[in-house]
Amino acid sequence: MISTVRTPSRAALLIASLLACGPLSALAQSDSPPPTPTQLAGGKVASAEEIKQLVDKKSALLIDTRSPLNYGKGHVPGAISVAYGEKSAKAADFDAALDKFDMSKLPADKNANVVFYSDGPTGWKSYKGAVMAIKAGHKNVLYMRGGWADWTAKGLPEAK
């Protein structure tokens, strides 16, 4: 009688190696940035609907911190592009000295409403811009945590 030895297929080896690394969800999330904080000390986290009311009243300066390319694809009506150059850690205790952000684009009136937004809840650029504005003395800083993703998901108007 002839005995045969079966070797595992490539697919079986791949599955075994993935399982040895732990849950697949952990692997999928490892490249994703952590979500931004849900509170903003000295400012306010605002919903897309709240920001829409400010847009309608023209009572806030909106700062889109995404890249100029993404801004050009669509943005909140009235928003200006002030791209945030991010080198610091995606963390609440980030080192702003590592980043680049043109604070001269913010209003001279520190009591004016200023809204920051980026892509969404993992968009650290807008959170960091809002923190920097608060540290610079701005009193009415709003952070649209849901960002552009929430704005478009709710079918709110877009400018291009």
N, C-alpha and C. Protein backbone atom coordinates (compact mmCIF):
# COMPACT_ATOMS: atom_id res chain seq x y z
N MET A 1 0.83 -1.15 0.00
CA MET A 1 0.00 0.00 0.00
C MET A 1 0.89 1.24 0.00
N ILE A 2 0.50 2.24 -0.79
CA ILE A 2 1.27 3.48 -0.91
C ILE A 2 0.63 4.52 -0.01
N SER A 3 1.46 5.15 0.79
CA SER A 3 0.98 6.18 1.70
C SER A 3 1.28 7.55 1.09
N THR A 4 0.29 8.46 1.16
CA THR A 4 0.51 9.82 0.65
C THR A 4 0.43 10.81 1.79
N VAL A 5 1.23 11.81 1.69
CA VAL A 5 1.23 12.88 2.69
C VAL A 5 0.66 14.11 2.02
N ARG A 6 -0.36 14.66 2.61
CA ARG A 6 -0.99 15.85 2.03
C ARG A 6 -0.38 17.10 2.66
N THR A 7 -0.04 18.04 1.82
CA THR A 7 0.47 19.32 2.32
C THR A 7 -0.68 20.33 2.26
N PRO A 8 -0.70 21.23 3.19
CA PRO A 8 -1.79 22.20 3.20
C PRO A 8 -1.72 23.12 1.97
N SER A 9 -2.89 23.53 1.50
CA SER A 9 -2.95 24.44 0.35
C SER A 9 -2.45 25.82 0.77
N ARG A 10 -2.19 26.67 -0.20
CA ARG A 10 -1.75 28.04 0.10
C ARG A 10 -2.85 28.79 0.85
N ALA A 11 -4.09 28.58 0.46
CA ALA A 11 -5.21 29.26 1.12
C ALA A 11 -5.28 28.84 2.59
N ALA A 12 -5.11 27.55 2.86
CA ALA A 12 -5.17 27.07 4.25
C ALA A 12 -4.03 27.67 5.06
N LEU A 13 -2.85 27.79 4.48
CA LEU A 13 -1.72 28.39 5.19
C LEU A 13 -1.96 29.87 5.47
N LEU A 14 -2.55 30.59 4.50
CA LEU A 14 -2.86 32.00 4.68
C LEU A 14 -3.87 32.18 5.81
N ILE A 15 -4.91 31.39 5.80
CA ILE A 15 -5.93 31.48 6.84
C ILE A 15 -5.33 31.17 8.20
N ALA A 16 -4.52 30.14 8.28
CA ALA A 16 -3.90 29.77 9.55
C ALA A 16 -3.00 30.90 10.07
N SER A 17 -2.25 31.53 9.17
CA SER A 17 -1.36 32.60 9.62
C SER A 17 -2.15 33.83 10.05
N LEU A 18 -3.26 34.12 9.38
CA LEU A 18 -4.09 35.24 9.79
C LEU A 18 -4.73 34.98 11.15
N LEU A 19 -5.20 33.77 11.36
CA LEU A 19 -5.81 33.43 12.64
C LEU A 19 -4.80 33.48 13.77
N ALA A 20 -3.57 33.16 13.48
CA ALA A 20 -2.53 33.20 14.51
C ALA A 20 -2.23 34.63 14.94
N CYS A 21 -2.52 35.60 14.06
CA CYS A 21 -2.26 37.01 14.37
C CYS A 21 -3.34 37.62 15.24
N GLY A 22 -4.43 36.97 15.45
CA GLY A 22 -5.51 37.52 16.26
C GLY A 22 -6.72 37.83 15.41
N PRO A 23 -7.69 38.52 15.98
CA PRO A 23 -8.92 38.81 15.25
C PRO A 23 -8.66 39.62 13.99
N LEU A 24 -9.37 39.29 12.94
CA LEU A 24 -9.20 40.00 11.67
C LEU A 24 -9.62 41.46 11.79
N SER A 25 -10.60 41.74 12.64
CA SER A 25 -11.03 43.14 12.78
C SER A 25 -9.89 44.00 13.32
N ALA A 26 -9.07 43.46 14.17
CA ALA A 26 -7.93 44.22 14.70
C ALA A 26 -6.95 44.54 13.59
N LEU A 27 -6.76 43.61 12.67
CA LEU A 27 -5.86 43.87 11.54
C LEU A 27 -6.43 44.95 10.65
N ALA A 28 -7.73 44.90 10.37
CA ALA A 28 -8.35 45.87 9.48
C ALA A 28 -8.32 47.27 10.08
N GLN A 29 -8.41 47.39 11.39
CA GLN A 29 -8.46 48.69 12.02
C GLN A 29 -7.09 49.26 12.33
N SER A 30 -6.06 48.49 12.25
CA SER A 30 -4.74 48.96 12.65
C SER A 30 -4.25 50.14 11.81
N ASP A 31 -4.69 50.25 10.56
CA ASP A 31 -4.27 51.36 9.71
C ASP A 31 -5.17 52.58 9.85
N SER A 32 -6.30 52.45 10.51
CA SER A 32 -7.23 53.55 10.67
C SER A 32 -6.80 54.43 11.83
N PRO A 33 -6.90 55.75 11.64
CA PRO A 33 -6.57 56.62 12.76
C PRO A 33 -7.63 56.47 13.85
N PRO A 34 -7.26 56.76 15.08
CA PRO A 34 -8.24 56.68 16.15
C PRO A 34 -9.28 57.79 15.98
N PRO A 35 -10.48 57.59 16.47
CA PRO A 35 -11.47 58.66 16.38
C PRO A 35 -11.05 59.87 17.21
N THR A 36 -11.48 61.02 16.77
CA THR A 36 -11.17 62.26 17.49
C THR A 36 -12.00 62.34 18.78
N PRO A 37 -11.58 63.19 19.71
CA PRO A 37 -12.35 63.36 20.94
C PRO A 37 -13.77 63.84 20.67
N THR A 38 -14.68 63.48 21.53
CA THR A 38 -16.09 63.87 21.37
C THR A 38 -16.40 65.18 22.09
N GLN A 39 -15.39 65.75 22.75
CA GLN A 39 -15.55 67.04 23.42
C GLN A 39 -14.38 67.94 23.04
N LEU A 40 -14.62 69.23 23.12
CA LEU A 40 -13.60 70.22 22.78
C LEU A 40 -13.52 71.24 23.90
N ALA A 41 -12.49 71.16 24.71
CA ALA A 41 -12.32 72.08 25.83
C ALA A 41 -12.21 73.51 25.32
N GLY A 42 -13.07 74.39 25.82
CA GLY A 42 -13.05 75.78 25.40
C GLY A 42 -13.83 76.06 24.13
N GLY A 43 -14.39 75.03 23.53
CA GLY A 43 -15.18 75.17 22.31
C GLY A 43 -16.39 74.27 22.36
N LYS A 44 -17.00 74.07 21.20
CA LYS A 44 -18.21 73.27 21.14
C LYS A 44 -18.13 72.29 19.97
N VAL A 45 -18.53 71.05 20.23
CA VAL A 45 -18.69 70.08 19.15
C VAL A 45 -20.10 70.30 18.60
N ALA A 46 -20.20 70.54 17.31
CA ALA A 46 -21.48 70.88 16.68
C ALA A 46 -21.84 69.88 15.59
N SER A 47 -23.12 69.67 15.42
CA SER A 47 -23.62 68.76 14.38
C SER A 47 -23.68 69.49 13.03
N ALA A 48 -23.82 68.73 11.99
CA ALA A 48 -23.95 69.30 10.65
C ALA A 48 -25.19 70.21 10.58
N GLU A 49 -26.27 69.80 11.25
CA GLU A 49 -27.50 70.61 11.23
C GLU A 49 -27.29 71.95 11.93
N GLU A 50 -26.55 71.94 13.04
CA GLU A 50 -26.25 73.20 13.74
C GLU A 50 -25.40 74.12 12.86
N ILE A 51 -24.44 73.54 12.18
CA ILE A 51 -23.58 74.34 11.30
C ILE A 51 -24.38 74.87 10.12
N LYS A 52 -25.31 74.08 9.61
CA LYS A 52 -26.16 74.52 8.49
C LYS A 52 -26.92 75.79 8.89
N GLN A 53 -27.39 75.88 10.12
CA GLN A 53 -28.09 77.08 10.57
C GLN A 53 -27.16 78.29 10.55
N LEU A 54 -25.93 78.11 10.96
CA LEU A 54 -24.95 79.20 10.91
C LEU A 54 -24.65 79.60 9.47
N VAL A 55 -24.56 78.61 8.59
CA VAL A 55 -24.31 78.88 7.16
C VAL A 55 -25.47 79.70 6.60
N ASP A 56 -26.70 79.30 6.91
CA ASP A 56 -27.87 80.01 6.40
C ASP A 56 -27.90 81.46 6.87
N LYS A 57 -27.46 81.71 8.10
CA LYS A 57 -27.44 83.07 8.67
C LYS A 57 -26.18 83.84 8.30
N LYS A 58 -25.24 83.14 7.67
CA LYS A 58 -23.93 83.73 7.35
C LYS A 58 -23.29 84.33 8.61
N SER A 59 -23.35 83.54 9.69
CA SER A 59 -22.86 84.05 10.97
C SER A 59 -21.66 83.28 11.50
N ALA A 60 -20.88 82.71 10.60
CA ALA A 60 -19.66 82.01 11.02
C ALA A 60 -18.70 81.94 9.85
N LEU A 61 -17.42 81.88 10.19
CA LEU A 61 -16.40 81.59 9.19
C LEU A 61 -16.15 80.09 9.25
N LEU A 62 -16.29 79.41 8.14
CA LEU A 62 -16.07 77.97 8.09
C LEU A 62 -14.69 77.70 7.52
N ILE A 63 -13.93 76.87 8.24
CA ILE A 63 -12.57 76.52 7.85
C ILE A 63 -12.54 75.04 7.47
N ASP A 64 -12.27 74.78 6.20
CA ASP A 64 -12.11 73.41 5.71
C ASP A 64 -10.62 73.08 5.79
N THR A 65 -10.28 72.16 6.68
CA THR A 65 -8.86 71.86 6.93
C THR A 65 -8.33 70.74 6.04
N ARG A 66 -9.16 70.23 5.13
CA ARG A 66 -8.70 69.15 4.24
C ARG A 66 -7.75 69.72 3.20
N SER A 67 -7.21 68.85 2.38
CA SER A 67 -6.29 69.28 1.33
C SER A 67 -7.04 70.14 0.30
N PRO A 68 -6.34 71.02 -0.41
CA PRO A 68 -6.99 71.82 -1.46
C PRO A 68 -7.67 70.92 -2.50
N LEU A 69 -7.11 69.76 -2.77
CA LEU A 69 -7.72 68.84 -3.74
C LEU A 69 -9.10 68.40 -3.26
N ASN A 70 -9.20 67.98 -2.01
CA ASN A 70 -10.50 67.55 -1.48
C ASN A 70 -11.47 68.72 -1.37
N TYR A 71 -10.97 69.87 -0.99
CA TYR A 71 -11.81 71.08 -0.94
C TYR A 71 -12.40 71.34 -2.33
N GLY A 72 -11.58 71.21 -3.35
CA GLY A 72 -12.02 71.45 -4.72
C GLY A 72 -13.07 70.46 -5.21
N LYS A 73 -13.11 69.28 -4.62
CA LYS A 73 -14.12 68.28 -4.99
C LYS A 73 -15.48 68.61 -4.41
N GLY A 74 -15.51 69.42 -3.38
CA GLY A 74 -16.75 69.83 -2.75
C GLY A 74 -16.51 70.25 -1.32
N HIS A 75 -17.26 71.26 -0.88
CA HIS A 75 -17.09 71.77 0.48
C HIS A 75 -18.40 72.42 0.94
N VAL A 76 -18.45 72.75 2.21
CA VAL A 76 -19.61 73.43 2.76
C VAL A 76 -19.66 74.83 2.14
N PRO A 77 -20.85 75.27 1.69
CA PRO A 77 -20.95 76.61 1.10
C PRO A 77 -20.42 77.69 2.05
N GLY A 78 -19.57 78.55 1.50
CA GLY A 78 -18.99 79.63 2.28
C GLY A 78 -17.69 79.28 2.98
N ALA A 79 -17.33 78.02 3.00
CA ALA A 79 -16.09 77.60 3.67
C ALA A 79 -14.87 78.06 2.88
N ILE A 80 -13.80 78.35 3.62
CA ILE A 80 -12.53 78.65 2.97
C ILE A 80 -11.59 77.48 3.22
N SER A 81 -10.66 77.31 2.31
CA SER A 81 -9.68 76.23 2.43
C SER A 81 -8.46 76.74 3.19
N VAL A 82 -8.22 76.11 4.35
CA VAL A 82 -7.01 76.38 5.12
C VAL A 82 -6.47 75.00 5.51
N ALA A 83 -5.73 74.43 4.58
CA ALA A 83 -5.23 73.06 4.78
C ALA A 83 -4.36 72.97 6.02
N TYR A 84 -4.56 71.92 6.78
CA TYR A 84 -3.77 71.68 7.99
C TYR A 84 -2.67 70.69 7.65
N GLY A 85 -1.44 71.11 7.81
CA GLY A 85 -0.28 70.25 7.56
C GLY A 85 0.05 69.46 8.81
N GLU A 86 -0.34 68.22 8.82
CA GLU A 86 -0.26 67.41 10.04
C GLU A 86 0.97 66.51 10.05
N LYS A 87 1.81 66.70 11.07
CA LYS A 87 2.96 65.84 11.32
C LYS A 87 2.89 65.25 12.72
N SER A 88 2.13 65.89 13.59
CA SER A 88 2.04 65.44 14.99
C SER A 88 1.17 64.19 15.11
N ALA A 89 1.22 63.59 16.28
CA ALA A 89 0.44 62.39 16.56
C ALA A 89 -1.06 62.69 16.52
N LYS A 90 -1.81 61.69 16.11
CA LYS A 90 -3.27 61.80 16.12
C LYS A 90 -3.74 61.49 17.53
N ALA A 91 -3.62 62.51 18.38
CA ALA A 91 -3.93 62.37 19.79
C ALA A 91 -4.33 63.73 20.35
N ALA A 92 -5.13 63.73 21.42
CA ALA A 92 -5.60 64.98 22.02
C ALA A 92 -4.43 65.82 22.53
N ASP A 93 -3.33 65.20 22.90
CA ASP A 93 -2.17 65.94 23.41
C ASP A 93 -1.10 66.13 22.32
N PHE A 94 -1.53 66.40 21.10
CA PHE A 94 -0.62 66.56 19.96
C PHE A 94 0.33 67.74 20.17
N ASP A 95 1.45 67.71 19.50
CA ASP A 95 2.45 68.77 19.55
C ASP A 95 2.25 69.69 18.35
N ALA A 96 1.56 70.80 18.55
CA ALA A 96 1.23 71.72 17.46
C ALA A 96 2.48 72.28 16.77
N ALA A 97 3.61 72.29 17.46
CA ALA A 97 4.84 72.82 16.87
C ALA A 97 5.29 71.98 15.67
N LEU A 98 4.84 70.75 15.60
CA LEU A 98 5.21 69.87 14.48
C LEU A 98 4.35 70.10 13.24
N ASP A 99 3.22 70.76 13.42
CA ASP A 99 2.24 70.93 12.35
C ASP A 99 2.35 72.30 11.69
N LYS A 100 1.68 72.44 10.55
CA LYS A 100 1.62 73.72 9.85
C LYS A 100 0.14 74.09 9.67
N PHE A 101 -0.20 75.28 10.13
CA PHE A 101 -1.56 75.78 9.99
C PHE A 101 -1.51 77.29 9.96
N ASP A 102 -2.10 77.89 8.93
CA ASP A 102 -2.04 79.33 8.73
C ASP A 102 -3.07 80.04 9.60
N MET A 103 -2.67 80.38 10.81
CA MET A 103 -3.57 81.04 11.76
C MET A 103 -3.99 82.43 11.29
N SER A 104 -3.26 83.03 10.33
CA SER A 104 -3.62 84.36 9.84
C SER A 104 -4.93 84.35 9.07
N LYS A 105 -5.41 83.18 8.69
CA LYS A 105 -6.68 83.06 7.96
C LYS A 105 -7.88 83.14 8.90
N LEU A 106 -7.63 83.04 10.22
CA LEU A 106 -8.72 83.14 11.19
C LEU A 106 -9.11 84.61 11.35
N PRO A 107 -10.36 84.85 11.76
CA PRO A 107 -10.79 86.25 11.90
C PRO A 107 -10.03 86.99 12.98
N ALA A 108 -9.81 88.28 12.76
CA ALA A 108 -9.14 89.12 13.76
C ALA A 108 -10.02 89.26 15.00
N ASP A 109 -11.33 89.24 14.80
CA ASP A 109 -12.29 89.32 15.90
C ASP A 109 -12.33 87.98 16.61
N LYS A 110 -11.77 87.92 17.80
CA LYS A 110 -11.68 86.65 18.54
C LYS A 110 -13.05 86.19 19.07
N ASN A 111 -14.08 87.04 18.94
CA ASN A 111 -15.43 86.66 19.36
C ASN A 111 -16.27 86.11 18.22
N ALA A 112 -15.74 86.13 17.00
CA ALA A 112 -16.48 85.62 15.84
C ALA A 112 -16.63 84.10 15.92
N ASN A 113 -17.74 83.60 15.38
CA ASN A 113 -17.94 82.15 15.27
C ASN A 113 -17.00 81.59 14.22
N VAL A 114 -16.22 80.58 14.59
CA VAL A 114 -15.31 79.93 13.65
C VAL A 114 -15.59 78.43 13.72
N VAL A 115 -15.89 77.84 12.56
CA VAL A 115 -16.22 76.42 12.46
C VAL A 115 -15.09 75.70 11.75
N PHE A 116 -14.63 74.60 12.34
CA PHE A 116 -13.59 73.77 11.74
C PHE A 116 -14.19 72.43 11.35
N TYR A 117 -13.83 71.95 10.15
CA TYR A 117 -14.23 70.60 9.76
C TYR A 117 -13.21 70.00 8.82
N SER A 118 -13.20 68.67 8.78
CA SER A 118 -12.37 67.92 7.83
C SER A 118 -13.21 66.76 7.32
N ASP A 119 -12.62 65.58 7.21
CA ASP A 119 -13.34 64.46 6.60
C ASP A 119 -14.45 63.89 7.48
N GLY A 120 -14.20 63.69 8.74
CA GLY A 120 -15.19 63.07 9.62
C GLY A 120 -14.60 62.79 10.99
N PRO A 121 -15.20 61.84 11.73
CA PRO A 121 -14.78 61.59 13.10
C PRO A 121 -13.33 61.14 13.29
N THR A 122 -12.68 60.72 12.21
CA THR A 122 -11.26 60.39 12.32
C THR A 122 -10.40 61.51 11.70
N GLY A 123 -11.04 62.64 11.39
CA GLY A 123 -10.34 63.77 10.79
C GLY A 123 -9.70 64.65 11.84
N TRP A 124 -8.49 64.35 12.20
CA TRP A 124 -7.78 65.07 13.26
C TRP A 124 -7.41 66.49 12.87
N LYS A 125 -7.32 66.79 11.58
CA LYS A 125 -6.89 68.13 11.17
C LYS A 125 -7.82 69.20 11.69
N SER A 126 -9.12 68.97 11.61
CA SER A 126 -10.07 69.98 12.08
C SER A 126 -10.06 70.09 13.60
N TYR A 127 -9.94 68.97 14.27
CA TYR A 127 -9.86 69.00 15.73
C TYR A 127 -8.64 69.82 16.16
N LYS A 128 -7.51 69.55 15.55
CA LYS A 128 -6.27 70.25 15.90
C LYS A 128 -6.36 71.74 15.58
N GLY A 129 -6.94 72.07 14.44
CA GLY A 129 -7.13 73.48 14.09
C GLY A 129 -8.00 74.19 15.11
N ALA A 130 -9.06 73.52 15.55
CA ALA A 130 -9.96 74.10 16.55
C ALA A 130 -9.22 74.32 17.87
N VAL A 131 -8.43 73.35 18.28
CA VAL A 131 -7.65 73.48 19.52
C VAL A 131 -6.68 74.65 19.41
N MET A 132 -6.03 74.77 18.27
CA MET A 132 -5.07 75.86 18.09
C MET A 132 -5.78 77.22 18.14
N ALA A 133 -6.97 77.31 17.56
CA ALA A 133 -7.74 78.56 17.58
C ALA A 133 -8.10 78.93 19.02
N ILE A 134 -8.52 77.96 19.79
CA ILE A 134 -8.87 78.20 21.20
C ILE A 134 -7.64 78.68 21.97
N LYS A 135 -6.51 78.04 21.75
CA LYS A 135 -5.26 78.44 22.42
C LYS A 135 -4.82 79.84 22.01
N ALA A 136 -5.23 80.26 20.80
CA ALA A 136 -4.88 81.60 20.31
C ALA A 136 -5.87 82.65 20.82
N GLY A 137 -6.86 82.22 21.59
CA GLY A 137 -7.78 83.19 22.20
C GLY A 137 -9.14 83.31 21.57
N HIS A 138 -9.45 82.52 20.57
CA HIS A 138 -10.78 82.58 19.95
C HIS A 138 -11.81 82.01 20.92
N LYS A 139 -12.92 82.74 21.07
CA LYS A 139 -13.92 82.42 22.10
C LYS A 139 -15.08 81.57 21.61
N ASN A 140 -15.37 81.57 20.31
CA ASN A 140 -16.53 80.88 19.76
C ASN A 140 -16.12 79.89 18.68
N VAL A 141 -15.41 78.86 19.12
CA VAL A 141 -14.89 77.85 18.20
C VAL A 141 -15.84 76.66 18.20
N LEU A 142 -16.23 76.27 17.00
CA LEU A 142 -17.09 75.10 16.82
C LEU A 142 -16.34 74.08 15.99
N TYR A 143 -16.51 72.84 16.37
CA TYR A 143 -15.84 71.72 15.70
C TYR A 143 -16.92 70.77 15.18
N MET A 144 -17.05 70.71 13.86
CA MET A 144 -18.02 69.80 13.25
C MET A 144 -17.35 68.43 13.13
N ARG A 145 -17.48 67.65 14.18
CA ARG A 145 -16.78 66.37 14.29
C ARG A 145 -17.17 65.41 13.16
N GLY A 146 -18.43 65.41 12.77
CA GLY A 146 -18.88 64.52 11.69
C GLY A 146 -18.30 64.90 10.34
N GLY A 147 -17.84 66.13 10.23
CA GLY A 147 -17.15 66.62 9.05
C GLY A 147 -17.91 66.53 7.75
N TRP A 148 -17.14 66.55 6.68
CA TRP A 148 -17.69 66.52 5.34
C TRP A 148 -18.51 65.25 5.10
N ALA A 149 -18.09 64.14 5.68
CA ALA A 149 -18.82 62.88 5.51
C ALA A 149 -20.24 63.01 6.04
N ASP A 150 -20.40 63.59 7.22
CA ASP A 150 -21.73 63.75 7.81
C ASP A 150 -22.55 64.77 7.02
N TRP A 151 -21.91 65.84 6.61
CA TRP A 151 -22.59 66.90 5.84
C TRP A 151 -23.20 66.31 4.57
N THR A 152 -22.42 65.55 3.84
CA THR A 152 -22.92 64.99 2.57
C THR A 152 -23.91 63.85 2.82
N ALA A 153 -23.70 63.06 3.87
CA ALA A 153 -24.62 61.96 4.18
C ALA A 153 -26.02 62.50 4.48
N LYS A 154 -26.10 63.70 5.01
CA LYS A 154 -27.39 64.30 5.35
C LYS A 154 -27.98 65.07 4.18
N GLY A 155 -27.30 65.05 3.05
CA GLY A 155 -27.82 65.70 1.85
C GLY A 155 -27.82 67.22 1.92
N LEU A 156 -26.94 67.78 2.72
CA LEU A 156 -26.88 69.24 2.85
C LEU A 156 -26.17 69.83 1.61
N PRO A 157 -26.42 71.10 1.34
CA PRO A 157 -25.88 71.70 0.09
C PRO A 157 -24.35 71.68 0.04
N GLU A 158 -23.86 71.54 -1.18
CA GLU A 158 -22.42 71.50 -1.44
C GLU A 158 -22.03 72.63 -2.36
N ALA A 159 -20.83 73.12 -2.17
CA ALA A 159 -20.25 74.10 -3.09
C ALA A 159 -19.06 73.42 -3.75
N LYS A 160 -18.75 73.84 -4.96
CA LYS A 160 -17.59 73.28 -5.67
C LYS A 160 -16.76 74.40 -6.25
